[in-house]
Structure formats: C-alpha cells, structure tokens
Amino acid sequence: SILEVSEYELQKLISFLDEDYKKEDRG
C-alpha cells in the first residue's frame, strides 16, 4: 500500500534488497 506496488513487485524489491544485505560487508 505504501509503495503502491503489486505483491510480485514487492517480492522483487525485497529480493534485491536482501541480495545487497547478503554481502559480507553488510551488518
């Protein structure tokens, strides 16, 4: 609702952000 995206788009955004966080230099 806040981002005005579909469920699929939200999962895609979460997946991209999660990939960034999986890097060793992230806490």
PDB file of all heavy atoms in Angstrom:
ATOM      1  N   SER A   1       0.820  -1.207   0.000  1.00  0.00           N
ATOM      2  CA  SER A   1       0.000   0.000   0.000  1.00  0.00           C
ATOM      3  C   SER A   1       0.858   1.263   0.000  1.00  0.00           C
ATOM      4  O   SER A   1       0.617   2.191  -0.774  1.00  0.00           O
ATOM      5  CB  SER A   1      -0.917  -0.013   1.225  1.00  0.00           C
ATOM      6  OG  SER A   1      -1.619   1.187   1.332  1.00  0.00           O
ATOM      7  N   ILE A   2       1.867   1.306   0.854  1.00  0.00           N
ATOM      8  CA  ILE A   2       2.725   2.484   0.961  1.00  0.00           C
ATOM      9  C   ILE A   2       3.525   2.702  -0.323  1.00  0.00           C
ATOM     10  O   ILE A   2       3.615   3.815  -0.830  1.00  0.00           O
ATOM     11  CB  ILE A   2       3.676   2.357   2.172  1.00  0.00           C
ATOM     12  CG1 ILE A   2       2.880   2.366   3.467  1.00  0.00           C
ATOM     13  CG2 ILE A   2       4.705   3.478   2.172  1.00  0.00           C
ATOM     14  CD1 ILE A   2       3.687   1.952   4.697  1.00  0.00           C
ATOM     15  N   LEU A   3       4.102   1.617  -0.840  1.00  0.00           N
ATOM     16  CA  LEU A   3       4.951   1.714  -2.035  1.00  0.00           C
ATOM     17  C   LEU A   3       4.149   1.733  -3.337  1.00  0.00           C
ATOM     18  O   LEU A   3       4.716   1.978  -4.403  1.00  0.00           O
ATOM     19  CB  LEU A   3       5.954   0.551  -2.068  1.00  0.00           C
ATOM     20  CG  LEU A   3       7.006   0.548  -0.970  1.00  0.00           C
ATOM     21  CD1 LEU A   3       7.745  -0.785  -0.926  1.00  0.00           C
ATOM     22  CD2 LEU A   3       7.982   1.691  -1.184  1.00  0.00           C
ATOM     23  N   GLU A   4       2.850   1.424  -3.222  1.00  0.00           N
ATOM     24  CA  GLU A   4       1.969   1.363  -4.394  1.00  0.00           C
ATOM     25  C   GLU A   4       2.510   0.388  -5.432  1.00  0.00           C
ATOM     26  O   GLU A   4       2.720   0.730  -6.603  1.00  0.00           O
ATOM     27  CB  GLU A   4       1.753   2.762  -4.977  1.00  0.00           C
ATOM     28  CG  GLU A   4       1.115   3.718  -3.997  1.00  0.00           C
ATOM     29  CD  GLU A   4       1.053   5.151  -4.491  1.00  0.00           C
ATOM     30  OE1 GLU A   4       1.748   5.500  -5.482  1.00  0.00           O
ATOM     31  OE2 GLU A   4       0.316   5.930  -3.873  1.00  0.00           O
ATOM     32  N   VAL A   5       2.762  -0.845  -4.968  1.00  0.00           N
ATOM     33  CA  VAL A   5       3.271  -1.900  -5.839  1.00  0.00           C
ATOM     34  C   VAL A   5       2.440  -3.164  -5.646  1.00  0.00           C
ATOM     35  O   VAL A   5       1.754  -3.324  -4.644  1.00  0.00           O
ATOM     36  CB  VAL A   5       4.766  -2.216  -5.549  1.00  0.00           C
ATOM     37  CG1 VAL A   5       5.655  -1.036  -5.865  1.00  0.00           C
ATOM     38  CG2 VAL A   5       4.971  -2.689  -4.120  1.00  0.00           C
ATOM     39  N   SER A   6       2.540  -4.070  -6.610  1.00  0.00           N
ATOM     40  CA  SER A   6       1.858  -5.363  -6.510  1.00  0.00           C
ATOM     41  C   SER A   6       2.650  -6.283  -5.585  1.00  0.00           C
ATOM     42  O   SER A   6       3.793  -5.979  -5.209  1.00  0.00           O
ATOM     43  CB  SER A   6       1.751  -6.006  -7.893  1.00  0.00           C
ATOM     44  OG  SER A   6       3.048  -6.376  -8.354  1.00  0.00           O
ATOM     45  N   GLU A   7       2.052  -7.410  -5.253  1.00  0.00           N
ATOM     46  CA  GLU A   7       2.731  -8.390  -4.411  1.00  0.00           C
ATOM     47  C   GLU A   7       4.007  -8.879  -5.091  1.00  0.00           C
ATOM     48  O   GLU A   7       5.053  -9.008  -4.450  1.00  0.00           O
ATOM     49  CB  GLU A   7       1.791  -9.571  -4.126  1.00  0.00           C
ATOM     50  CG  GLU A   7       2.373 -10.599  -3.183  1.00  0.00           C
ATOM     51  CD  GLU A   7       1.409 -11.735  -2.888  1.00  0.00           C
ATOM     52  OE1 GLU A   7       0.235 -11.678  -3.291  1.00  0.00           O
ATOM     53  OE2 GLU A   7       1.853 -12.710  -2.240  1.00  0.00           O
ATOM     54  N   TYR A   8       3.931  -9.110  -6.404  1.00  0.00           N
ATOM     55  CA  TYR A   8       5.095  -9.558  -7.164  1.00  0.00           C
ATOM     56  C   TYR A   8       6.211  -8.513  -7.134  1.00  0.00           C
ATOM     57  O   TYR A   8       7.367  -8.833  -6.900  1.00  0.00           O
ATOM     58  CB  TYR A   8       4.696  -9.866  -8.615  1.00  0.00           C
ATOM     59  CG  TYR A   8       5.871 -10.169  -9.506  1.00  0.00           C
ATOM     60  CD1 TYR A   8       6.506 -11.407  -9.444  1.00  0.00           C
ATOM     61  CD2 TYR A   8       6.360  -9.211 -10.401  1.00  0.00           C
ATOM     62  CE1 TYR A   8       7.602 -11.691 -10.257  1.00  0.00           C
ATOM     63  CE2 TYR A   8       7.455  -9.484 -11.213  1.00  0.00           C
ATOM     64  CZ  TYR A   8       8.072 -10.732 -11.131  1.00  0.00           C
ATOM     65  OH  TYR A   8       9.149 -10.999 -11.924  1.00  0.00           O
ATOM     66  N   GLU A   9       5.851  -7.240  -7.365  1.00  0.00           N
ATOM     67  CA  GLU A   9       6.847  -6.166  -7.354  1.00  0.00           C
ATOM     68  C   GLU A   9       7.487  -6.016  -5.980  1.00  0.00           C
ATOM     69  O   GLU A   9       8.692  -5.789  -5.869  1.00  0.00           O
ATOM     70  CB  GLU A   9       6.212  -4.836  -7.773  1.00  0.00           C
ATOM     71  CG  GLU A   9       5.815  -4.779  -9.240  1.00  0.00           C
ATOM     72  CD  GLU A   9       4.984  -3.546  -9.559  1.00  0.00           C
ATOM     73  OE1 GLU A   9       3.969  -3.322  -8.868  1.00  0.00           O
ATOM     74  OE2 GLU A   9       5.388  -2.812 -10.481  1.00  0.00           O
ATOM     75  N   LEU A  10       6.683  -6.165  -4.926  1.00  0.00           N
ATOM     76  CA  LEU A  10       7.216  -6.072  -3.572  1.00  0.00           C
ATOM     77  C   LEU A  10       8.222  -7.191  -3.317  1.00  0.00           C
ATOM     78  O   LEU A  10       9.313  -6.948  -2.795  1.00  0.00           O
ATOM     79  CB  LEU A  10       6.100  -6.131  -2.522  1.00  0.00           C
ATOM     80  CG  LEU A  10       6.580  -6.138  -1.075  1.00  0.00           C
ATOM     81  CD1 LEU A  10       7.300  -4.826  -0.731  1.00  0.00           C
ATOM     82  CD2 LEU A  10       5.419  -6.373  -0.127  1.00  0.00           C
ATOM     83  N   GLN A  11       7.880  -8.412  -3.701  1.00  0.00           N
ATOM     84  CA  GLN A  11       8.785  -9.541  -3.502  1.00  0.00           C
ATOM     85  C   GLN A  11      10.097  -9.329  -4.267  1.00  0.00           C
ATOM     86  O   GLN A  11      11.172  -9.673  -3.781  1.00  0.00           O
ATOM     87  CB  GLN A  11       8.125 -10.857  -3.922  1.00  0.00           C
ATOM     88  CG  GLN A  11       7.013 -11.295  -2.993  1.00  0.00           C
ATOM     89  CD  GLN A  11       7.465 -11.373  -1.551  1.00  0.00           C
ATOM     90  OE1 GLN A  11       8.539 -11.863  -1.226  1.00  0.00           O
ATOM     91  NE2 GLN A  11       6.627 -10.870  -0.649  1.00  0.00           N
ATOM     92  N   LYS A  12       9.985  -8.723  -5.449  1.00  0.00           N
ATOM     93  CA  LYS A  12      11.166  -8.423  -6.256  1.00  0.00           C
ATOM     94  C   LYS A  12      12.055  -7.393  -5.533  1.00  0.00           C
ATOM     95  O   LYS A  12      13.272  -7.559  -5.431  1.00  0.00           O
ATOM     96  CB  LYS A  12      10.707  -7.894  -7.620  1.00  0.00           C
ATOM     97  CG  LYS A  12      11.680  -8.073  -8.737  1.00  0.00           C
ATOM     98  CD  LYS A  12      10.956  -7.846 -10.059  1.00  0.00           C
ATOM     99  CE  LYS A  12      11.811  -6.977 -10.932  1.00  0.00           C
ATOM    100  NZ  LYS A  12      11.189  -6.667 -12.211  1.00  0.00           N
ATOM    101  N   LEU A  13      11.441  -6.335  -4.989  1.00  0.00           N
ATOM    102  CA  LEU A  13      12.183  -5.302  -4.251  1.00  0.00           C
ATOM    103  C   LEU A  13      12.866  -5.897  -3.018  1.00  0.00           C
ATOM    104  O   LEU A  13      14.032  -5.620  -2.742  1.00  0.00           O
ATOM    105  CB  LEU A  13      11.244  -4.170  -3.814  1.00  0.00           C
ATOM    106  CG  LEU A  13      10.750  -3.226  -4.890  1.00  0.00           C
ATOM    107  CD1 LEU A  13       9.638  -2.329  -4.343  1.00  0.00           C
ATOM    108  CD2 LEU A  13      11.896  -2.384  -5.429  1.00  0.00           C
ATOM    109  N   ILE A  14      12.126  -6.731  -2.298  1.00  0.00           N
ATOM    110  CA  ILE A  14      12.678  -7.367  -1.093  1.00  0.00           C
ATOM    111  C   ILE A  14      13.840  -8.264  -1.475  1.00  0.00           C
ATOM    112  O   ILE A  14      14.878  -8.274  -0.811  1.00  0.00           O
ATOM    113  CB  ILE A  14      11.580  -8.145  -0.333  1.00  0.00           C
ATOM    114  CG1 ILE A  14      10.615  -7.144   0.322  1.00  0.00           C
ATOM    115  CG2 ILE A  14      12.187  -9.078   0.717  1.00  0.00           C
ATOM    116  CD1 ILE A  14       9.373  -7.764   0.906  1.00  0.00           C
ATOM    117  N   SER A  15      13.701  -8.999  -2.567  1.00  0.00           N
ATOM    118  CA  SER A  15      14.758  -9.887  -3.032  1.00  0.00           C
ATOM    119  C   SER A  15      16.018  -9.100  -3.398  1.00  0.00           C
ATOM    120  O   SER A  15      17.135  -9.489  -3.026  1.00  0.00           O
ATOM    121  CB  SER A  15      14.259 -10.690  -4.232  1.00  0.00           C
ATOM    122  OG  SER A  15      15.280 -11.506  -4.729  1.00  0.00           O
ATOM    123  N   PHE A  16      15.856  -7.974  -4.114  1.00  0.00           N
ATOM    124  CA  PHE A  16      17.008  -7.143  -4.487  1.00  0.00           C
ATOM    125  C   PHE A  16      17.711  -6.585  -3.247  1.00  0.00           C
ATOM    126  O   PHE A  16      18.933  -6.599  -3.150  1.00  0.00           O
ATOM    127  CB  PHE A  16      16.587  -5.985  -5.393  1.00  0.00           C
ATOM    128  CG  PHE A  16      16.200  -6.391  -6.789  1.00  0.00           C
ATOM    129  CD1 PHE A  16      15.217  -5.683  -7.474  1.00  0.00           C
ATOM    130  CD2 PHE A  16      16.796  -7.468  -7.428  1.00  0.00           C
ATOM    131  CE1 PHE A  16      14.852  -6.034  -8.760  1.00  0.00           C
ATOM    132  CE2 PHE A  16      16.443  -7.825  -8.714  1.00  0.00           C
ATOM    133  CZ  PHE A  16      15.465  -7.114  -9.387  1.00  0.00           C
ATOM    134  N   LEU A  17      16.916  -6.100  -2.299  1.00  0.00           N
ATOM    135  CA  LEU A  17      17.485  -5.536  -1.070  1.00  0.00           C
ATOM    136  C   LEU A  17      18.180  -6.630  -0.261  1.00  0.00           C
ATOM    137  O   LEU A  17      19.275  -6.430   0.267  1.00  0.00           O
ATOM    138  CB  LEU A  17      16.380  -4.861  -0.248  1.00  0.00           C
ATOM    139  CG  LEU A  17      16.821  -3.987   0.914  1.00  0.00           C
ATOM    140  CD1 LEU A  17      17.777  -2.889   0.475  1.00  0.00           C
ATOM    141  CD2 LEU A  17      15.591  -3.370   1.584  1.00  0.00           C
ATOM    142  N   ASP A  18      17.559  -7.797  -0.223  1.00  0.00           N
ATOM    143  CA  ASP A  18      18.133  -8.921   0.520  1.00  0.00           C
ATOM    144  C   ASP A  18      19.474  -9.342  -0.084  1.00  0.00           C
ATOM    145  O   ASP A  18      20.409  -9.676   0.643  1.00  0.00           O
ATOM    146  CB  ASP A  18      17.149 -10.096   0.520  1.00  0.00           C
ATOM    147  CG  ASP A  18      17.539 -11.181   1.500  1.00  0.00           C
ATOM    148  OD1 ASP A  18      17.954 -10.833   2.633  1.00  0.00           O
ATOM    149  OD2 ASP A  18      17.436 -12.370   1.148  1.00  0.00           O
ATOM    150  N   GLU A  19      19.580  -9.295  -1.399  1.00  0.00           N
ATOM    151  CA  GLU A  19      20.849  -9.623  -2.069  1.00  0.00           C
ATOM    152  C   GLU A  19      21.954  -8.650  -1.653  1.00  0.00           C
ATOM    153  O   GLU A  19      23.089  -9.047  -1.420  1.00  0.00           O
ATOM    154  CB  GLU A  19      20.688  -9.631  -3.589  1.00  0.00           C
ATOM    155  CG  GLU A  19      19.998 -10.862  -4.127  1.00  0.00           C
ATOM    156  CD  GLU A  19      20.720 -12.153  -3.768  1.00  0.00           C
ATOM    157  OE1 GLU A  19      21.956 -12.247  -3.931  1.00  0.00           O
ATOM    158  OE2 GLU A  19      20.031 -13.088  -3.292  1.00  0.00           O
ATOM    159  N   ASP A  20      21.602  -7.360  -1.559  1.00  0.00           N
ATOM    160  CA  ASP A  20      22.576  -6.364  -1.093  1.00  0.00           C
ATOM    161  C   ASP A  20      23.059  -6.701   0.316  1.00  0.00           C
ATOM    162  O   ASP A  20      24.246  -6.607   0.622  1.00  0.00           O
ATOM    163  CB  ASP A  20      21.954  -4.959  -1.067  1.00  0.00           C
ATOM    164  CG  ASP A  20      21.730  -4.390  -2.457  1.00  0.00           C
ATOM    165  OD1 ASP A  20      22.269  -4.953  -3.429  1.00  0.00           O
ATOM    166  OD2 ASP A  20      21.014  -3.370  -2.549  1.00  0.00           O
ATOM    167  N   TYR A  21      22.136  -7.096   1.168  1.00  0.00           N
ATOM    168  CA  TYR A  21      22.457  -7.368   2.567  1.00  0.00           C
ATOM    169  C   TYR A  21      23.246  -8.668   2.756  1.00  0.00           C
ATOM    170  O   TYR A  21      23.897  -8.848   3.777  1.00  0.00           O
ATOM    171  CB  TYR A  21      21.195  -7.420   3.421  1.00  0.00           C
ATOM    172  CG  TYR A  21      20.558  -6.071   3.637  1.00  0.00           C
ATOM    173  CD1 TYR A  21      19.184  -5.936   3.639  1.00  0.00           C
ATOM    174  CD2 TYR A  21      21.325  -4.931   3.851  1.00  0.00           C
ATOM    175  CE1 TYR A  21      18.588  -4.699   3.853  1.00  0.00           C
ATOM    176  CE2 TYR A  21      20.742  -3.699   4.054  1.00  0.00           C
ATOM    177  CZ  TYR A  21      19.379  -3.591   4.051  1.00  0.00           C
ATOM    178  OH  TYR A  21      18.792  -2.374   4.267  1.00  0.00           O
ATOM    179  N   LYS A  22      23.184  -9.563   1.792  1.00  0.00           N
ATOM    180  CA  LYS A  22      23.910 -10.830   1.923  1.00  0.00           C
ATOM    181  C   LYS A  22      25.411 -10.664   1.722  1.00  0.00           C
ATOM    182  O   LYS A  22      26.178 -11.559   2.045  1.00  0.00           O
ATOM    183  CB  LYS A  22      23.347 -11.865   0.951  1.00  0.00           C
ATOM    184  CG  LYS A  22      22.019 -12.407   1.416  1.00  0.00           C
ATOM    185  CD  LYS A  22      21.508 -13.491   0.513  1.00  0.00           C
ATOM    186  CE  LYS A  22      20.182 -13.997   1.074  1.00  0.00           C
ATOM    187  NZ  LYS A  22      19.531 -14.947   0.211  1.00  0.00           N
ATOM    188  N   LYS A  23      25.810  -9.506   1.238  1.00  0.00           N
ATOM    189  CA  LYS A  23      27.232  -9.259   1.033  1.00  0.00           C
ATOM    190  C   LYS A  23      27.949  -9.220   2.383  1.00  0.00           C
ATOM    191  O   LYS A  23      27.377  -8.809   3.394  1.00  0.00           O
ATOM    192  CB  LYS A  23      27.446  -7.943   0.277  1.00  0.00           C
ATOM    193  CG  LYS A  23      26.890  -7.981  -1.131  1.00  0.00           C
ATOM    194  CD  LYS A  23      27.016  -6.647  -1.811  1.00  0.00           C
ATOM    195  CE  LYS A  23      26.373  -6.712  -3.191  1.00  0.00           C
ATOM    196  NZ  LYS A  23      26.222  -5.393  -3.780  1.00  0.00           N
ATOM    197  N   GLU A  24      29.188  -9.639   2.384  1.00  0.00           N
ATOM    198  CA  GLU A  24      29.961  -9.748   3.615  1.00  0.00           C
ATOM    199  C   GLU A  24      30.172  -8.407   4.314  1.00  0.00           C
ATOM    200  O   GLU A  24      30.306  -8.348   5.538  1.00  0.00           O
ATOM    201  CB  GLU A  24      31.325 -10.386   3.309  1.00  0.00           C
ATOM    202  CG  GLU A  24      32.079 -10.787   4.555  1.00  0.00           C
ATOM    203  CD  GLU A  24      33.376 -11.489   4.209  1.00  0.00           C
ATOM    204  OE1 GLU A  24      33.327 -12.490   3.470  1.00  0.00           O
ATOM    205  OE2 GLU A  24      34.420 -11.022   4.673  1.00  0.00           O
ATOM    206  N   ASP A  25      30.157  -7.317   3.562  1.00  0.00           N
ATOM    207  CA  ASP A  25      30.423  -6.001   4.165  1.00  0.00           C
ATOM    208  C   ASP A  25      29.169  -5.333   4.728  1.00  0.00           C
ATOM    209  O   ASP A  25      29.184  -4.158   5.049  1.00  0.00           O
ATOM    210  CB  ASP A  25      31.111  -5.070   3.161  1.00  0.00           C
ATOM    211  CG  ASP A  25      30.249  -4.744   1.954  1.00  0.00           C
ATOM    212  OD1 ASP A  25      29.274  -5.482   1.680  1.00  0.00           O
ATOM    213  OD2 ASP A  25      30.545  -3.750   1.272  1.00  0.00           O
ATOM    214  N   ARG A  26      28.097  -6.079   4.872  1.00  0.00           N
ATOM    215  CA  ARG A  26      26.857  -5.539   5.429  1.00  0.00           C
ATOM    216  C   ARG A  26      26.595  -6.168   6.799  1.00  0.00           C
ATOM    217  O   ARG A  26      26.886  -7.340   7.020  1.00  0.00           O
ATOM    218  CB  ARG A  26      25.664  -5.823   4.508  1.00  0.00           C
ATOM    219  CG  ARG A  26      25.798  -5.257   3.101  1.00  0.00           C
ATOM    220  CD  ARG A  26      26.019  -3.746   3.059  1.00  0.00           C
ATOM    221  NE  ARG A  26      24.917  -2.975   3.561  1.00  0.00           N
ATOM    222  CZ  ARG A  26      23.966  -2.435   2.802  1.00  0.00           C
ATOM    223  NH1 ARG A  26      23.998  -2.578   1.508  1.00  0.00           N
ATOM    224  NH2 ARG A  26      22.999  -1.741   3.352  1.00  0.00           N
ATOM    225  N   GLY A  27      26.030  -5.389   7.721  1.00  0.00           N
ATOM    226  CA  GLY A  27      25.792  -5.864   9.083  1.00  0.00           C
ATOM    227  C   GLY A  27      24.351  -6.171   9.406  1.00  0.00           C
ATOM    228  O   GLY A  27      24.036  -6.624  10.500  1.00  0.00           O
TER     229      GLY A  27
END
